[in-house]
Structures are given as C-alpha cells and as structure tokens.
C-alpha cells in the first residue's frame, strides 16, 4: 500500500462570508493509516508537504487563487473583494504530494 497511489477523498471546506471577504478553512481527508490512539490520520500528517491551491471562479473565469494549508494550524485562506449578488465556484488542487 502506497499513499501517493491510494485514493484519498477530497478535503472538506468550511467558510465564513463577512462583507466582501470569504474565509476558507480546509478539513483534511483521512487516510487508511492509524495514529497511536487508533484514529485515522489526516492526509497532511502522512504527506507532510501537502497543501492546496484554492481557485475562485466566476463562471469560467478564474478570479483569484490562494495557497491553503491545514485548518487549525494556520490562518484561514482568504478571498478578498468579492462582488455582491454574484455566484462563485471554489476549486481545490492538491500540491506537494511527493
């Protein structure tokens, strides 16, 4: 079993919108590996260099990109200057999986 070739689910995102600012926290997916207490380890505890690019789209147009690490360890990832009454899509891409 090798984690880089294993299927690990996508991260979950939690967010808070305050005015024109959107703050995102990433909740890492769990791996098949167990900690000493028996709980499953989050993927960033196995792949120590893992982080995510969060991309904010308005329709098909890329509006902003921000790097994001694990929630709880760093400040939330933030998108600034959002327009009111606009639908956005956030896409995640894993980086540093080697």
PDB file of N, CA and C in Angstrom:
ATOM      1  N   UNK A   1       0.845  -1.183   0.000  1.00  0.00           N
ATOM      2  CA  UNK A   1       0.000   0.000   0.000  1.00  0.00           C
ATOM      3  C   UNK A   1       0.884   1.237   0.000  1.00  0.00           C
ATOM      4  N   UNK A   2       0.647   2.104  -0.934  1.00  0.00           N
ATOM      5  CA  UNK A   2       1.406   3.344  -1.041  1.00  0.00           C
ATOM      6  C   UNK A   2       0.422   4.499  -1.106  1.00  0.00           C
ATOM      7  N   UNK A   3       0.540   5.442  -0.189  1.00  0.00           N
ATOM      8  CA  UNK A   3      -0.430   6.530  -0.133  1.00  0.00           C
ATOM      9  C   UNK A   3      -0.478   7.366  -1.402  1.00  0.00           C
ATOM     10  N   UNK A   4       0.658   7.720  -2.029  1.00  0.00           N
ATOM     11  CA  UNK A   4       0.545   8.537  -3.236  1.00  0.00           C
ATOM     12  C   UNK A   4      -0.270   7.877  -4.345  1.00  0.00           C
ATOM     13  N   UNK A   5      -0.362   6.538  -4.351  1.00  0.00           N
ATOM     14  CA  UNK A   5      -1.165   5.878  -5.372  1.00  0.00           C
ATOM     15  C   UNK A   5      -2.538   5.472  -4.843  1.00  0.00           C
ATOM     16  N   UNK A   6      -2.767   5.678  -3.552  1.00  0.00           N
ATOM     17  CA  UNK A   6      -4.063   5.346  -2.968  1.00  0.00           C
ATOM     18  C   UNK A   6      -5.057   6.465  -3.252  1.00  0.00           C
ATOM     19  N   UNK A   7      -6.311   6.109  -3.211  1.00  0.00           N
ATOM     20  CA  UNK A   7      -7.350   7.115  -3.398  1.00  0.00           C
ATOM     21  C   UNK A   7      -7.683   7.714  -2.037  1.00  0.00           C
ATOM     22  N   UNK A   8      -7.531   9.006  -1.937  1.00  0.00           N
ATOM     23  CA  UNK A   8      -7.876   9.732  -0.722  1.00  0.00           C
ATOM     24  C   UNK A   8      -8.904  10.773  -1.122  1.00  0.00           C
ATOM     25  N   UNK A   9      -9.955  10.870  -0.355  1.00  0.00           N
ATOM     26  CA  UNK A   9     -11.041  11.779  -0.706  1.00  0.00           C
ATOM     27  C   UNK A   9     -10.626  13.234  -0.737  1.00  0.00           C
ATOM     28  N   UNK A  10     -11.470  14.068  -1.296  1.00  0.00           N
ATOM     29  CA  UNK A  10     -11.166  15.498  -1.355  1.00  0.00           C
ATOM     30  C   UNK A  10     -11.299  16.137   0.025  1.00  0.00           C
ATOM     31  N   UNK A  11     -10.687  17.289   0.219  1.00  0.00           N
ATOM     32  CA  UNK A  11     -10.861  17.977   1.501  1.00  0.00           C
ATOM     33  C   UNK A  11     -12.264  18.564   1.599  1.00  0.00           C
ATOM     34  N   UNK A  12     -12.702  18.755   2.825  1.00  0.00           N
ATOM     35  CA  UNK A  12     -13.960  19.473   3.050  1.00  0.00           C
ATOM     36  C   UNK A  12     -13.602  20.929   3.314  1.00  0.00           C
ATOM     37  N   UNK A  13     -14.453  21.816   2.870  1.00  0.00           N
ATOM     38  CA  UNK A  13     -14.222  23.240   3.069  1.00  0.00           C
ATOM     39  C   UNK A  13     -15.302  23.803   3.979  1.00  0.00           C
ATOM     40  N   UNK A  14     -14.890  24.619   4.923  1.00  0.00           N
ATOM     41  CA  UNK A  14     -15.854  25.403   5.697  1.00  0.00           C
ATOM     42  C   UNK A  14     -15.542  26.864   5.415  1.00  0.00           C
ATOM     43  N   UNK A  15     -16.564  27.684   5.401  1.00  0.00           N
ATOM     44  CA  UNK A  15     -16.318  29.073   5.021  1.00  0.00           C
ATOM     45  C   UNK A  15     -17.138  30.025   5.856  1.00  0.00           C
ATOM     46  N   UNK A  16     -16.658  31.275   5.858  1.00  0.00           N
ATOM     47  CA  UNK A  16     -17.327  32.365   6.549  1.00  0.00           C
ATOM     48  C   UNK A  16     -17.265  33.584   5.639  1.00  0.00           C
ATOM     49  N   UNK A  17     -18.420  34.117   5.297  1.00  0.00           N
ATOM     50  CA  UNK A  17     -18.504  35.302   4.453  1.00  0.00           C
ATOM     51  C   UNK A  17     -18.799  36.509   5.331  1.00  0.00           C
ATOM     52  N   UNK A  18     -17.913  37.499   5.284  1.00  0.00           N
ATOM     53  CA  UNK A  18     -18.094  38.737   6.037  1.00  0.00           C
ATOM     54  C   UNK A  18     -17.936  39.896   5.062  1.00  0.00           C
ATOM     55  N   UNK A  19     -19.044  40.502   4.689  1.00  0.00           N
ATOM     56  CA  UNK A  19     -18.992  41.585   3.713  1.00  0.00           C
ATOM     57  C   UNK A  19     -18.517  41.063   2.368  1.00  0.00           C
ATOM     58  N   UNK A  20     -17.394  41.588   1.891  1.00  0.00           N
ATOM     59  CA  UNK A  20     -16.828  41.187   0.598  1.00  0.00           C
ATOM     60  C   UNK A  20     -15.620  40.275   0.773  1.00  0.00           C
ATOM     61  N   UNK A  21     -15.491  39.647   1.955  1.00  0.00           N
ATOM     62  CA  UNK A  21     -14.342  38.793   2.267  1.00  0.00           C
ATOM     63  C   UNK A  21     -14.842  37.387   2.591  1.00  0.00           C
ATOM     64  N   UNK A  22     -14.261  36.388   1.930  1.00  0.00           N
ATOM     65  CA  UNK A  22     -14.613  34.988   2.163  1.00  0.00           C
ATOM     66  C   UNK A  22     -13.409  34.275   2.764  1.00  0.00           C
ATOM     67  N   UNK A  23     -13.559  33.750   3.980  1.00  0.00           N
ATOM     68  CA  UNK A  23     -12.503  32.995   4.660  1.00  0.00           C
ATOM     69  C   UNK A  23     -12.821  31.512   4.571  1.00  0.00           C
ATOM     70  N   UNK A  24     -11.825  30.719   4.169  1.00  0.00           N
ATOM     71  CA  UNK A  24     -11.995  29.277   3.963  1.00  0.00           C
ATOM     72  C   UNK A  24     -11.059  28.518   4.896  1.00  0.00           C
ATOM     73  N   UNK A  25     -11.578  27.486   5.559  1.00  0.00           N
ATOM     74  CA  UNK A  25     -10.756  26.526   6.297  1.00  0.00           C
ATOM     75  C   UNK A  25     -10.859  25.182   5.590  1.00  0.00           C
ATOM     76  N   UNK A  26      -9.743  24.472   5.541  1.00  0.00           N
ATOM     77  CA  UNK A  26      -9.708  23.143   4.920  1.00  0.00           C
ATOM     78  C   UNK A  26      -9.725  22.087   6.017  1.00  0.00           C
ATOM     79  N   UNK A  27     -10.588  21.090   5.855  1.00  0.00           N
ATOM     80  CA  UNK A  27     -10.620  19.923   6.738  1.00  0.00           C
ATOM     81  C   UNK A  27     -10.079  18.766   5.908  1.00  0.00           C
ATOM     82  N   UNK A  28      -8.923  18.279   6.298  1.00  0.00           N
ATOM     83  CA  UNK A  28      -8.214  17.274   5.503  1.00  0.00           C
ATOM     84  C   UNK A  28      -8.935  15.930   5.508  1.00  0.00           C
ATOM     85  N   UNK A  29      -8.889  15.217   4.374  1.00  0.00           N
ATOM     86  CA  UNK A  29      -9.450  13.862   4.334  1.00  0.00           C
ATOM     87  C   UNK A  29      -8.589  12.906   5.157  1.00  0.00           C
ATOM     88  N   UNK A  30      -9.208  11.828   5.596  1.00  0.00           N
ATOM     89  CA  UNK A  30      -8.492  10.829   6.391  1.00  0.00           C
ATOM     90  C   UNK A  30      -7.859   9.783   5.487  1.00  0.00           C
ATOM     91  N   UNK A  31      -6.752   9.213   5.967  1.00  0.00           N
ATOM     92  CA  UNK A  31      -6.045   8.149   5.248  1.00  0.00           C
ATOM     93  C   UNK A  31      -6.354   6.807   5.908  1.00  0.00           C
ATOM     94  N   UNK A  32      -5.914   5.707   5.304  1.00  0.00           N
ATOM     95  CA  UNK A  32      -6.066   4.396   5.945  1.00  0.00           C
ATOM     96  C   UNK A  32      -5.086   4.178   7.103  1.00  0.00           C
ATOM     97  N   UNK A  33      -4.119   5.094   7.289  1.00  0.00           N
ATOM     98  CA  UNK A  33      -3.132   4.953   8.361  1.00  0.00           C
ATOM     99  C   UNK A  33      -3.728   5.371   9.694  1.00  0.00           C
ATOM    100  N   UNK A  34      -3.337   4.644  10.747  1.00  0.00           N
ATOM    101  CA  UNK A  34      -3.860   4.943  12.084  1.00  0.00           C
ATOM    102  C   UNK A  34      -2.775   5.565  12.962  1.00  0.00           C
ATOM    103  N   UNK A  35      -3.214   6.446  13.862  1.00  0.00           N
ATOM    104  CA  UNK A  35      -2.304   7.034  14.842  1.00  0.00           C
ATOM    105  C   UNK A  35      -2.142   6.061  16.010  1.00  0.00           C
ATOM    106  N   UNK A  36      -1.315   6.425  16.964  1.00  0.00           N
ATOM    107  CA  UNK A  36      -1.096   5.570  18.135  1.00  0.00           C
ATOM    108  C   UNK A  36      -2.371   5.384  18.948  1.00  0.00           C
ATOM    109  N   UNK A  37      -3.283   6.337  18.862  1.00  0.00           N
ATOM    110  CA  UNK A  37      -4.546   6.239  19.609  1.00  0.00           C
ATOM    111  C   UNK A  37      -5.595   5.422  18.863  1.00  0.00           C
ATOM    112  N   UNK A  38      -5.282   5.022  17.615  1.00  0.00           N
ATOM    113  CA  UNK A  38      -6.208   4.209  16.842  1.00  0.00           C
ATOM    114  C   UNK A  38      -7.064   4.983  15.856  1.00  0.00           C
ATOM    115  N   UNK A  39      -7.026   6.311  15.930  1.00  0.00           N
ATOM    116  CA  UNK A  39      -7.818   7.107  14.984  1.00  0.00           C
ATOM    117  C   UNK A  39      -7.081   7.201  13.647  1.00  0.00           C
ATOM    118  N   UNK A  40      -7.833   7.424  12.589  1.00  0.00           N
ATOM    119  CA  UNK A  40      -7.225   7.551  11.266  1.00  0.00           C
ATOM    120  C   UNK A  40      -6.520   8.896  11.143  1.00  0.00           C
ATOM    121  N   UNK A  41      -5.352   8.879  10.498  1.00  0.00           N
ATOM    122  CA  UNK A  41      -4.569  10.105  10.339  1.00  0.00           C
ATOM    123  C   UNK A  41      -5.074  10.930   9.161  1.00  0.00           C
ATOM    124  N   UNK A  42      -5.143  12.259   9.333  1.00  0.00           N
ATOM    125  CA  UNK A  42      -5.428  13.120   8.184  1.00  0.00           C
ATOM    126  C   UNK A  42      -4.280  13.049   7.183  1.00  0.00           C
ATOM    127  N   UNK A  43      -4.588  13.282   5.932  1.00  0.00           N
ATOM    128  CA  UNK A  43      -3.606  13.122   4.858  1.00  0.00           C
ATOM    129  C   UNK A  43      -2.381  14.017   5.055  1.00  0.00           C
ATOM    130  N   UNK A  44      -2.539  15.201   5.649  1.00  0.00           N
ATOM    131  CA  UNK A  44      -1.390  16.091   5.826  1.00  0.00           C
ATOM    132  C   UNK A  44      -0.451  15.630   6.935  1.00  0.00           C
ATOM    133  N   UNK A  45      -0.860  14.651   7.762  1.00  0.00           N
ATOM    134  CA  UNK A  45       0.049  14.074   8.751  1.00  0.00           C
ATOM    135  C   UNK A  45       0.865  12.938   8.153  1.00  0.00           C
ATOM    136  N   UNK A  46       0.485  12.489   6.972  1.00  0.00           N
ATOM    137  CA  UNK A  46       1.225  11.442   6.259  1.00  0.00           C
ATOM    138  C   UNK A  46       2.063  12.066   5.145  1.00  0.00           C
ATOM    139  N   UNK A  47       1.470  12.960   4.397  1.00  0.00           N
ATOM    140  CA  UNK A  47       2.175  13.702   3.342  1.00  0.00           C
ATOM    141  C   UNK A  47       2.478  15.092   3.894  1.00  0.00           C
ATOM    142  N   UNK A  48       3.657  15.237   4.488  1.00  0.00           N
ATOM    143  CA  UNK A  48       3.962  16.437   5.260  1.00  0.00           C
ATOM    144  C   UNK A  48       4.099  17.699   4.418  1.00  0.00           C
ATOM    145  N   UNK A  49       4.335  17.553   3.126  1.00  0.00           N
ATOM    146  CA  UNK A  49       4.496  18.731   2.267  1.00  0.00           C
ATOM    147  C   UNK A  49       3.204  19.111   1.543  1.00  0.00           C
ATOM    148  N   UNK A  50       2.128  18.418   1.842  1.00  0.00           N
ATOM    149  CA  UNK A  50       0.859  18.653   1.149  1.00  0.00           C
ATOM    150  C   UNK A  50       0.256  20.010   1.503  1.00  0.00           C
ATOM    151  N   UNK A  51      -0.230  20.698   0.486  1.00  0.00           N
ATOM    152  CA  UNK A  51      -1.033  21.903   0.646  1.00  0.00           C
ATOM    153  C   UNK A  51      -1.942  22.009  -0.558  1.00  0.00           C
ATOM    154  N   UNK A  52      -2.838  22.971  -0.548  1.00  0.00           N
ATOM    155  CA  UNK A  52      -3.834  23.100  -1.615  1.00  0.00           C
ATOM    156  C   UNK A  52      -3.810  24.494  -2.225  1.00  0.00           C
ATOM    157  N   UNK A  53      -4.069  24.547  -3.532  1.00  0.00           N
ATOM    158  CA  UNK A  53      -4.408  25.803  -4.197  1.00  0.00           C
ATOM    159  C   UNK A  53      -5.917  25.893  -4.185  1.00  0.00           C
ATOM    160  N   UNK A  54      -6.447  26.984  -3.705  1.00  0.00           N
ATOM    161  CA  UNK A  54      -7.877  27.250  -3.810  1.00  0.00           C
ATOM    162  C   UNK A  54      -8.062  28.267  -4.926  1.00  0.00           C
ATOM    163  N   UNK A  55      -8.907  27.931  -5.871  1.00  0.00           N
ATOM    164  CA  UNK A  55      -9.159  28.798  -7.022  1.00  0.00           C
ATOM    165  C   UNK A  55     -10.609  29.250  -6.996  1.00  0.00           C
ATOM    166  N   UNK A  56     -10.813  30.535  -7.108  1.00  0.00           N
ATOM    167  CA  UNK A  56     -12.147  31.130  -7.093  1.00  0.00           C
ATOM    168  C   UNK A  56     -12.527  31.509  -8.518  1.00  0.00           C
ATOM    169  N   UNK A  57     -13.641  30.970  -8.980  1.00  0.00           N
ATOM    170  CA  UNK A  57     -14.119  31.213 -10.342  1.00  0.00           C
ATOM    171  C   UNK A  57     -15.449  31.942 -10.313  1.00  0.00           C
ATOM    172  N   UNK A  58     -15.611  32.838 -11.266  1.00  0.00           N
ATOM    173  CA  UNK A  58     -16.901  33.443 -11.560  1.00  0.00           C
ATOM    174  C   UNK A  58     -17.257  32.955 -12.955  1.00  0.00           C
ATOM    175  N   UNK A  59     -18.179  31.987 -13.036  1.00  0.00           N
ATOM    176  CA  UNK A  59     -18.421  31.300 -14.308  1.00  0.00           C
ATOM    177  C   UNK A  59     -17.174  30.511 -14.685  1.00  0.00           C
ATOM    178  N   UNK A  60     -16.665  30.691 -15.890  1.00  0.00           N
ATOM    179  CA  UNK A  60     -15.443  30.009 -16.330  1.00  0.00           C
ATOM    180  C   UNK A  60     -14.192  30.847 -16.105  1.00  0.00           C
ATOM    181  N   UNK A  61     -14.342  32.037 -15.553  1.00  0.00           N
ATOM    182  CA  UNK A  61     -13.214  32.953 -15.400  1.00  0.00           C
ATOM    183  C   UNK A  61     -12.576  32.814 -14.019  1.00  0.00           C
ATOM    184  N   UNK A  62     -11.259  32.549 -14.016  1.00  0.00           N
ATOM    185  CA  UNK A  62     -10.506  32.496 -12.766  1.00  0.00           C
ATOM    186  C   UNK A  62     -10.378  33.917 -12.222  1.00  0.00           C
ATOM    187  N   UNK A  63     -10.826  34.107 -10.973  1.00  0.00           N
ATOM    188  CA  UNK A  63     -10.824  35.438 -10.364  1.00  0.00           C
ATOM    189  C   UNK A  63      -9.647  35.597  -9.406  1.00  0.00           C
ATOM    190  N   UNK A  64      -9.437  34.586  -8.538  1.00  0.00           N
ATOM    191  CA  UNK A  64      -8.351  34.646  -7.552  1.00  0.00           C
ATOM    192  C   UNK A  64      -7.860  33.238  -7.269  1.00  0.00           C
ATOM    193  N   UNK A  65      -6.584  33.135  -6.842  1.00  0.00           N
ATOM    194  CA  UNK A  65      -6.022  31.879  -6.342  1.00  0.00           C
ATOM    195  C   UNK A  65      -5.293  32.172  -5.041  1.00  0.00           C
ATOM    196  N   UNK A  66      -5.454  31.280  -4.058  1.00  0.00           N
ATOM    197  CA  UNK A  66      -4.732  31.430  -2.797  1.00  0.00           C
ATOM    198  C   UNK A  66      -4.195  30.070  -2.359  1.00  0.00           C
ATOM    199  N   UNK A  67      -2.990  30.045  -1.753  1.00  0.00           N
ATOM    200  CA  UNK A  67      -2.485  28.801  -1.173  1.00  0.00           C
ATOM    201  C   UNK A  67      -3.174  28.562   0.165  1.00  0.00           C
ATOM    202  N   UNK A  68      -3.401  27.301   0.492  1.00  0.00           N
ATOM    203  CA  UNK A  68      -4.112  26.989   1.727  1.00  0.00           C
ATOM    204  C   UNK A  68      -3.514  25.742   2.359  1.00  0.00           C
ATOM    205  N   UNK A  69      -3.295  25.800   3.673  1.00  0.00           N
ATOM    206  CA  UNK A  69      -2.799  24.648   4.418  1.00  0.00           C
ATOM    207  C   UNK A  69      -3.885  24.177   5.364  1.00  0.00           C
ATOM    208  N   UNK A  70      -3.522  23.278   6.226  1.00  0.00           N
ATOM    209  CA  UNK A  70      -4.480  22.641   7.119  1.00  0.00           C
ATOM    210  C   UNK A  70      -5.145  23.625   8.070  1.00  0.00           C
ATOM    211  N   UNK A  71      -6.433  23.434   8.278  1.00  0.00           N
ATOM    212  CA  UNK A  71      -7.158  24.300   9.212  1.00  0.00           C
ATOM    213  C   UNK A  71      -6.661  24.062  10.630  1.00  0.00           C
ATOM    214  N   UNK A  72      -6.748  25.076  11.453  1.00  0.00           N
ATOM    215  CA  UNK A  72      -6.335  24.962  12.841  1.00  0.00           C
ATOM    216  C   UNK A  72      -4.867  25.274  13.043  1.00  0.00           C
ATOM    217  N   UNK A  73      -4.032  25.073  12.024  1.00  0.00           N
ATOM    218  CA  UNK A  73      -2.604  25.319  12.157  1.00  0.00           C
ATOM    219  C   UNK A  73      -2.220  26.685  11.603  1.00  0.00           C
ATOM    220  N   UNK A  74      -2.995  27.184  10.700  1.00  0.00           N
ATOM    221  CA  UNK A  74      -2.687  28.448  10.042  1.00  0.00           C
ATOM    222  C   UNK A  74      -3.946  29.302  10.044  1.00  0.00           C
ATOM    223  N   UNK A  75      -3.784  30.544   9.661  1.00  0.00           N
ATOM    224  CA  UNK A  75      -4.949  31.413   9.491  1.00  0.00           C
ATOM    225  C   UNK A  75      -5.780  30.892   8.324  1.00  0.00           C
ATOM    226  N   UNK A  76      -7.070  31.212   8.294  1.00  0.00           N
ATOM    227  CA  UNK A  76      -7.886  30.765   7.158  1.00  0.00           C
ATOM    228  C   UNK A  76      -7.360  31.347   5.845  1.00  0.00           C
ATOM    229  N   UNK A  77      -7.691  30.689   4.771  1.00  0.00           N
ATOM    230  CA  UNK A  77      -7.357  31.174   3.433  1.00  0.00           C
ATOM    231  C   UNK A  77      -8.442  32.175   3.061  1.00  0.00           C
ATOM    232  N   UNK A  78      -8.046  33.284   2.479  1.00  0.00           N
ATOM    233  CA  UNK A  78      -8.992  34.382   2.303  1.00  0.00           C
ATOM    234  C   UNK A  78      -9.065  34.852   0.861  1.00  0.00           C
ATOM    235  N   UNK A  79     -10.289  35.008   0.386  1.00  0.00           N
ATOM    236  CA  UNK A  79     -10.562  35.665  -0.894  1.00  0.00           C
ATOM    237  C   UNK A  79     -11.112  37.053  -0.580  1.00  0.00           C
ATOM    238  N   UNK A  80     -10.570  38.065  -1.246  1.00  0.00           N
ATOM    239  CA  UNK A  80     -10.915  39.457  -0.979  1.00  0.00           C
ATOM    240  C   UNK A  80     -11.711  40.051  -2.134  1.00  0.00           C
ATOM    241  N   UNK A  81     -12.397  41.135  -1.853  1.00  0.00           N
ATOM    242  CA  UNK A  81     -13.046  41.983  -2.864  1.00  0.00           C
ATOM    243  C   UNK A  81     -14.087  41.235  -3.689  1.00  0.00           C
ATOM    244  N   UNK A  82     -14.914  40.434  -3.031  1.00  0.00           N
ATOM    245  CA  UNK A  82     -15.971  39.728  -3.748  1.00  0.00           C
ATOM    246  C   UNK A  82     -17.106  40.687  -4.089  1.00  0.00           C
ATOM    247  N   UNK A  83     -17.713  40.461  -5.234  1.00  0.00           N
ATOM    248  CA  UNK A  83     -18.826  41.304  -5.677  1.00  0.00           C
ATOM    249  C   UNK A  83     -20.127  40.812  -5.036  1.00  0.00           C
ATOM    250  N   UNK A  84     -21.031  41.728  -4.692  1.00  0.00           N
ATOM    251  CA  UNK A  84     -22.319  41.300  -4.134  1.00  0.00           C
ATOM    252  C   UNK A  84     -23.174  40.621  -5.202  1.00  0.00           C
ATOM    253  N   UNK A  85     -24.073  39.762  -4.758  1.00  0.00           N
ATOM    254  CA  UNK A  85     -25.045  39.081  -5.632  1.00  0.00           C
ATOM    255  C   UNK A  85     -24.380  38.377  -6.810  1.00  0.00           C
ATOM    256  N   UNK A  86     -23.264  37.707  -6.549  1.00  0.00           N
ATOM    257  CA  UNK A  86     -22.511  37.007  -7.595  1.00  0.00           C
ATOM    258  C   UNK A  86     -22.309  35.562  -7.173  1.00  0.00           C
ATOM    259  N   UNK A  87     -22.494  34.624  -8.099  1.00  0.00           N
ATOM    260  CA  UNK A  87     -22.240  33.212  -7.812  1.00  0.00           C
ATOM    261  C   UNK A  87     -20.788  32.891  -8.150  1.00  0.00           C
ATOM    262  N   UNK A  88     -20.115  32.264  -7.187  1.00  0.00           N
ATOM    263  CA  UNK A  88     -18.729  31.861  -7.362  1.00  0.00           C
ATOM    264  C   UNK A  88     -18.617  30.354  -7.201  1.00  0.00           C
ATOM    265  N   UNK A  89     -17.554  29.790  -7.733  1.00  0.00           N
ATOM    266  CA  UNK A  89     -17.218  28.377  -7.569  1.00  0.00           C
ATOM    267  C   UNK A  89     -15.796  28.309  -7.032  1.00  0.00           C
ATOM    268  N   UNK A  90     -15.569  27.456  -6.036  1.00  0.00           N
ATOM    269  CA  UNK A  90     -14.224  27.265  -5.495  1.00  0.00           C
ATOM    270  C   UNK A  90     -13.759  25.870  -5.867  1.00  0.00           C
ATOM    271  N   UNK A  91     -12.577  25.788  -6.471  1.00  0.00           N
ATOM    272  CA  UNK A  91     -11.967  24.506  -6.827  1.00  0.00           C
ATOM    273  C   UNK A  91     -10.691  24.331  -6.014  1.00  0.00           C
ATOM    274  N   UNK A  92     -10.424  23.085  -5.620  1.00  0.00           N
ATOM    275  CA  UNK A  92      -9.200  22.789  -4.877  1.00  0.00           C
ATOM    276  C   UNK A  92      -8.288  21.924  -5.727  1.00  0.00           C
ATOM    277  N   UNK A  93      -6.980  22.121  -5.564  1.00  0.00           N
ATOM    278  CA  UNK A  93      -5.982  21.287  -6.230  1.00  0.00           C
ATOM    279  C   UNK A  93      -4.884  20.975  -5.224  1.00  0.00           C
ATOM    280  N   UNK A  94      -4.595  19.690  -5.039  1.00  0.00           N
ATOM    281  CA  UNK A  94      -3.546  19.274  -4.110  1.00  0.00           C
ATOM    282  C   UNK A  94      -2.180  19.528  -4.726  1.00  0.00           C
ATOM    283  N   UNK A  95      -1.236  20.006  -3.890  1.00  0.00           N
ATOM    284  CA  UNK A  95       0.126  20.304  -4.310  1.00  0.00           C
ATOM    285  C   UNK A  95       1.069  19.683  -3.282  1.00  0.00           C
ATOM    286  N   UNK A  96       2.247  19.269  -3.708  1.00  0.00           N
ATOM    287  CA  UNK A  96       3.247  18.756  -2.777  1.00  0.00           C
ATOM    288  C   UNK A  96       2.966  17.350  -2.300  1.00  0.00           C
ATOM    289  N   UNK A  97       2.421  16.517  -3.174  1.00  0.00           N
ATOM    290  CA  UNK A  97       2.073  15.154  -2.757  1.00  0.00           C
ATOM    291  C   UNK A  97       3.260  14.205  -2.782  1.00  0.00           C
ATOM    292  N   UNK A  98       4.392  14.628  -3.310  1.00  0.00           N
ATOM    293  CA  UNK A  98       5.564  13.740  -3.389  1.00  0.00           C
ATOM    294  C   UNK A  98       6.227  13.609  -2.043  1.00  0.00           C
TER     295      UNK A  98
END
